[in-house]
Amino acid sequence: MSDLNRGIMKFKGADSPVAIAISAVLVLGAIAFLIVWALQTAYSIS
């Protein structure tokens, strides 16, 4: 069992490249959304 198949990722295939790619896209997308939202809120960029 790999280290990625432990903790909250306790399901078969948690260490597959597809699951890792989906998780990375979700995390990076959320970070990008928060940065854009913060810039629009702080500087009123339209």
PDB file of N, CA and C in Angstrom:
ATOM      1  N   MET A   1       0.845  -1.179   0.000  1.00  0.00           N
ATOM      2  CA  MET A   1       0.000   0.000   0.000  1.00  0.00           C
ATOM      3  C   MET A   1       0.886   1.237   0.000  1.00  0.00           C
ATOM      4  N   SER A   2       0.582   2.177  -0.876  1.00  0.00           N
ATOM      5  CA  SER A   2       1.386   3.394  -0.922  1.00  0.00           C
ATOM      6  C   SER A   2       0.944   4.355   0.178  1.00  0.00           C
ATOM      7  N   ASP A   3       1.733   5.385   0.373  1.00  0.00           N
ATOM      8  CA  ASP A   3       1.406   6.374   1.400  1.00  0.00           C
ATOM      9  C   ASP A   3       0.176   7.188   1.034  1.00  0.00           C
ATOM     10  N   LEU A   4      -0.163   7.260  -0.259  1.00  0.00           N
ATOM     11  CA  LEU A   4      -1.332   8.037  -0.665  1.00  0.00           C
ATOM     12  C   LEU A   4      -2.639   7.307  -0.396  1.00  0.00           C
ATOM     13  N   ASN A   5      -2.581   6.028  -0.074  1.00  0.00           N
ATOM     14  CA  ASN A   5      -3.779   5.238   0.169  1.00  0.00           C
ATOM     15  C   ASN A   5      -4.071   5.149   1.670  1.00  0.00           C
ATOM     16  N   ARG A   6      -3.731   6.175   2.410  1.00  0.00           N
ATOM     17  CA  ARG A   6      -3.955   6.219   3.856  1.00  0.00           C
ATOM     18  C   ARG A   6      -4.632   7.524   4.226  1.00  0.00           C
ATOM     19  N   GLY A   7      -4.965   7.681   5.479  1.00  0.00           N
ATOM     20  CA  GLY A   7      -5.576   8.917   5.945  1.00  0.00           C
ATOM     21  C   GLY A   7      -6.983   9.073   5.409  1.00  0.00           C
ATOM     22  N   ILE A   8      -7.305  10.265   4.876  1.00  0.00           N
ATOM     23  CA  ILE A   8      -8.656  10.496   4.363  1.00  0.00           C
ATOM     24  C   ILE A   8      -8.844   9.897   2.979  1.00  0.00           C
ATOM     25  N   MET A   9      -7.760   9.472   2.337  1.00  0.00           N
ATOM     26  CA  MET A   9      -7.846   8.876   0.999  1.00  0.00           C
ATOM     27  C   MET A   9      -7.893   7.352   1.107  1.00  0.00           C
ATOM     28  N   LYS A  10      -8.814   6.826   1.921  1.00  0.00           N
ATOM     29  CA  LYS A  10      -8.883   5.388   2.152  1.00  0.00           C
ATOM     30  C   LYS A  10      -9.831   4.725   1.156  1.00  0.00           C
ATOM     31  N   PHE A  11      -9.455   4.690  -0.097  1.00  0.00           N
ATOM     32  CA  PHE A  11     -10.226   3.945  -1.079  1.00  0.00           C
ATOM     33  C   PHE A  11      -9.290   3.413  -2.141  1.00  0.00           C
ATOM     34  N   LYS A  12      -9.728   2.358  -2.796  1.00  0.00           N
ATOM     35  CA  LYS A  12      -8.887   1.763  -3.833  1.00  0.00           C
ATOM     36  C   LYS A  12      -8.706   2.755  -4.975  1.00  0.00           C
ATOM     37  N   GLY A  13      -7.507   2.878  -5.440  1.00  0.00           N
ATOM     38  CA  GLY A  13      -7.218   3.788  -6.539  1.00  0.00           C
ATOM     39  C   GLY A  13      -6.918   5.204  -6.087  1.00  0.00           C
ATOM     40  N   ALA A  14      -6.760   5.428  -4.797  1.00  0.00           N
ATOM     41  CA  ALA A  14      -6.463   6.782  -4.308  1.00  0.00           C
ATOM     42  C   ALA A  14      -5.099   7.249  -4.786  1.00  0.00           C
ATOM     43  N   ASP A  15      -4.218   6.313  -5.107  1.00  0.00           N
ATOM     44  CA  ASP A  15      -2.890   6.681  -5.577  1.00  0.00           C
ATOM     45  C   ASP A  15      -2.762   6.585  -7.095  1.00  0.00           C
ATOM     46  N   SER A  16      -3.906   6.492  -7.785  1.00  0.00           N
ATOM     47  CA  SER A  16      -3.849   6.423  -9.241  1.00  0.00           C
ATOM     48  C   SER A  16      -3.591   7.816  -9.813  1.00  0.00           C
ATOM     49  N   PRO A  17      -2.963   7.886 -10.962  1.00  0.00           N
ATOM     50  CA  PRO A  17      -2.676   9.197 -11.565  1.00  0.00           C
ATOM     51  C   PRO A  17      -3.929  10.027 -11.841  1.00  0.00           C
ATOM     52  N   VAL A  18      -5.052   9.361 -12.165  1.00  0.00           N
ATOM     53  CA  VAL A  18      -6.288  10.091 -12.448  1.00  0.00           C
ATOM     54  C   VAL A  18      -6.799  10.771 -11.177  1.00  0.00           C
ATOM     55  N   ALA A  19      -6.813  10.057 -10.058  1.00  0.00           N
ATOM     56  CA  ALA A  19      -7.283  10.636  -8.799  1.00  0.00           C
ATOM     57  C   ALA A  19      -6.377  11.770  -8.346  1.00  0.00           C
ATOM     58  N   ILE A  20      -5.089  11.604  -8.532  1.00  0.00           N
ATOM     59  CA  ILE A  20      -4.144  12.656  -8.150  1.00  0.00           C
ATOM     60  C   ILE A  20      -4.337  13.879  -9.045  1.00  0.00           C
ATOM     61  N   ALA A  21      -4.554  13.685 -10.330  1.00  0.00           N
ATOM     62  CA  ALA A  21      -4.761  14.809 -11.244  1.00  0.00           C
ATOM     63  C   ALA A  21      -6.046  15.560 -10.911  1.00  0.00           C
ATOM     64  N   ILE A  22      -7.121  14.832 -10.628  1.00  0.00           N
ATOM     65  CA  ILE A  22      -8.385  15.486 -10.280  1.00  0.00           C
ATOM     66  C   ILE A  22      -8.233  16.283  -8.996  1.00  0.00           C
ATOM     67  N   SER A  23      -7.575  15.710  -7.996  1.00  0.00           N
ATOM     68  CA  SER A  23      -7.353  16.424  -6.737  1.00  0.00           C
ATOM     69  C   SER A  23      -6.513  17.679  -6.959  1.00  0.00           C
ATOM     70  N   ALA A  24      -5.478  17.564  -7.775  1.00  0.00           N
ATOM     71  CA  ALA A  24      -4.605  18.719  -8.034  1.00  0.00           C
ATOM     72  C   ALA A  24      -5.369  19.823  -8.751  1.00  0.00           C
ATOM     73  N   VAL A  25      -6.203  19.463  -9.719  1.00  0.00           N
ATOM     74  CA  VAL A  25      -6.984  20.464 -10.445  1.00  0.00           C
ATOM     75  C   VAL A  25      -7.959  21.163  -9.502  1.00  0.00           C
ATOM     76  N   LEU A  26      -8.603  20.402  -8.630  1.00  0.00           N
ATOM     77  CA  LEU A  26      -9.547  21.001  -7.683  1.00  0.00           C
ATOM     78  C   LEU A  26      -8.846  21.957  -6.721  1.00  0.00           C
ATOM     79  N   VAL A  27      -7.721  21.530  -6.182  1.00  0.00           N
ATOM     80  CA  VAL A  27      -6.998  22.370  -5.219  1.00  0.00           C
ATOM     81  C   VAL A  27      -6.459  23.626  -5.896  1.00  0.00           C
ATOM     82  N   LEU A  28      -5.810  23.470  -7.048  1.00  0.00           N
ATOM     83  CA  LEU A  28      -5.247  24.627  -7.741  1.00  0.00           C
ATOM     84  C   LEU A  28      -6.339  25.557  -8.263  1.00  0.00           C
ATOM     85  N   GLY A  29      -7.461  24.995  -8.682  1.00  0.00           N
ATOM     86  CA  GLY A  29      -8.580  25.823  -9.121  1.00  0.00           C
ATOM     87  C   GLY A  29      -9.157  26.640  -7.981  1.00  0.00           C
ATOM     88  N   ALA A  30      -9.272  26.025  -6.812  1.00  0.00           N
ATOM     89  CA  ALA A  30      -9.780  26.747  -5.645  1.00  0.00           C
ATOM     90  C   ALA A  30      -8.826  27.861  -5.236  1.00  0.00           C
ATOM     91  N   ILE A  31      -7.535  27.599  -5.287  1.00  0.00           N
ATOM     92  CA  ILE A  31      -6.547  28.630  -4.945  1.00  0.00           C
ATOM     93  C   ILE A  31      -6.621  29.779  -5.950  1.00  0.00           C
ATOM     94  N   ALA A  32      -6.706  29.456  -7.233  1.00  0.00           N
ATOM     95  CA  ALA A  32      -6.796  30.500  -8.256  1.00  0.00           C
ATOM     96  C   ALA A  32      -8.069  31.324  -8.085  1.00  0.00           C
ATOM     97  N   PHE A  33      -9.184  30.663  -7.791  1.00  0.00           N
ATOM     98  CA  PHE A  33     -10.441  31.379  -7.562  1.00  0.00           C
ATOM     99  C   PHE A  33     -10.318  32.339  -6.389  1.00  0.00           C
ATOM    100  N   LEU A  34      -9.715  31.886  -5.303  1.00  0.00           N
ATOM    101  CA  LEU A  34      -9.562  32.739  -4.127  1.00  0.00           C
ATOM    102  C   LEU A  34      -8.653  33.933  -4.410  1.00  0.00           C
ATOM    103  N   ILE A  35      -7.590  33.729  -5.183  1.00  0.00           N
ATOM    104  CA  ILE A  35      -6.697  34.840  -5.525  1.00  0.00           C
ATOM    105  C   ILE A  35      -7.433  35.863  -6.381  1.00  0.00           C
ATOM    106  N   VAL A  36      -8.169  35.414  -7.397  1.00  0.00           N
ATOM    107  CA  VAL A  36      -8.911  36.324  -8.268  1.00  0.00           C
ATOM    108  C   VAL A  36      -9.974  37.063  -7.465  1.00  0.00           C
ATOM    109  N   TRP A  37     -10.701  36.353  -6.620  1.00  0.00           N
ATOM    110  CA  TRP A  37     -11.726  36.982  -5.791  1.00  0.00           C
ATOM    111  C   TRP A  37     -11.118  38.027  -4.857  1.00  0.00           C
ATOM    112  N   ALA A  38      -9.980  37.704  -4.247  1.00  0.00           N
ATOM    113  CA  ALA A  38      -9.332  38.642  -3.330  1.00  0.00           C
ATOM    114  C   ALA A  38      -8.864  39.895  -4.069  1.00  0.00           C
ATOM    115  N   LEU A  39      -8.302  39.733  -5.263  1.00  0.00           N
ATOM    116  CA  LEU A  39      -7.852  40.890  -6.038  1.00  0.00           C
ATOM    117  C   LEU A  39      -9.024  41.760  -6.477  1.00  0.00           C
ATOM    118  N   GLN A  40     -10.122  41.135  -6.902  1.00  0.00           N
ATOM    119  CA  GLN A  40     -11.291  41.907  -7.308  1.00  0.00           C
ATOM    120  C   GLN A  40     -11.898  42.638  -6.121  1.00  0.00           C
ATOM    121  N   THR A  41     -11.919  42.012  -4.968  1.00  0.00           N
ATOM    122  CA  THR A  41     -12.483  42.637  -3.781  1.00  0.00           C
ATOM    123  C   THR A  41     -11.595  43.783  -3.285  1.00  0.00           C
ATOM    124  N   ALA A  42     -10.297  43.569  -3.292  1.00  0.00           N
ATOM    125  CA  ALA A  42      -9.375  44.570  -2.742  1.00  0.00           C
ATOM    126  C   ALA A  42      -9.215  45.767  -3.668  1.00  0.00           C
ATOM    127  N   TYR A  43      -9.191  45.547  -4.981  1.00  0.00           N
ATOM    128  CA  TYR A  43      -8.846  46.613  -5.899  1.00  0.00           C
ATOM    129  C   TYR A  43      -9.980  47.018  -6.842  1.00  0.00           C
ATOM    130  N   SER A  44     -11.122  46.409  -6.692  1.00  0.00           N
ATOM    131  CA  SER A  44     -12.294  46.710  -7.522  1.00  0.00           C
ATOM    132  C   SER A  44     -11.980  46.644  -9.016  1.00  0.00           C
ATOM    133  N   ILE A  45     -11.292  45.583  -9.405  1.00  0.00           N
ATOM    134  CA  ILE A  45     -10.971  45.358 -10.819  1.00  0.00           C
ATOM    135  C   ILE A  45     -12.200  44.781 -11.485  1.00  0.00           C
ATOM    136  N   SER A  46     -12.619  45.386 -12.605  1.00  0.00           N
ATOM    137  CA  SER A  46     -13.833  44.882 -13.247  1.00  0.00           C
ATOM    138  C   SER A  46     -13.508  43.998 -14.423  1.00  0.00           C
TER     139      SER A  46
END
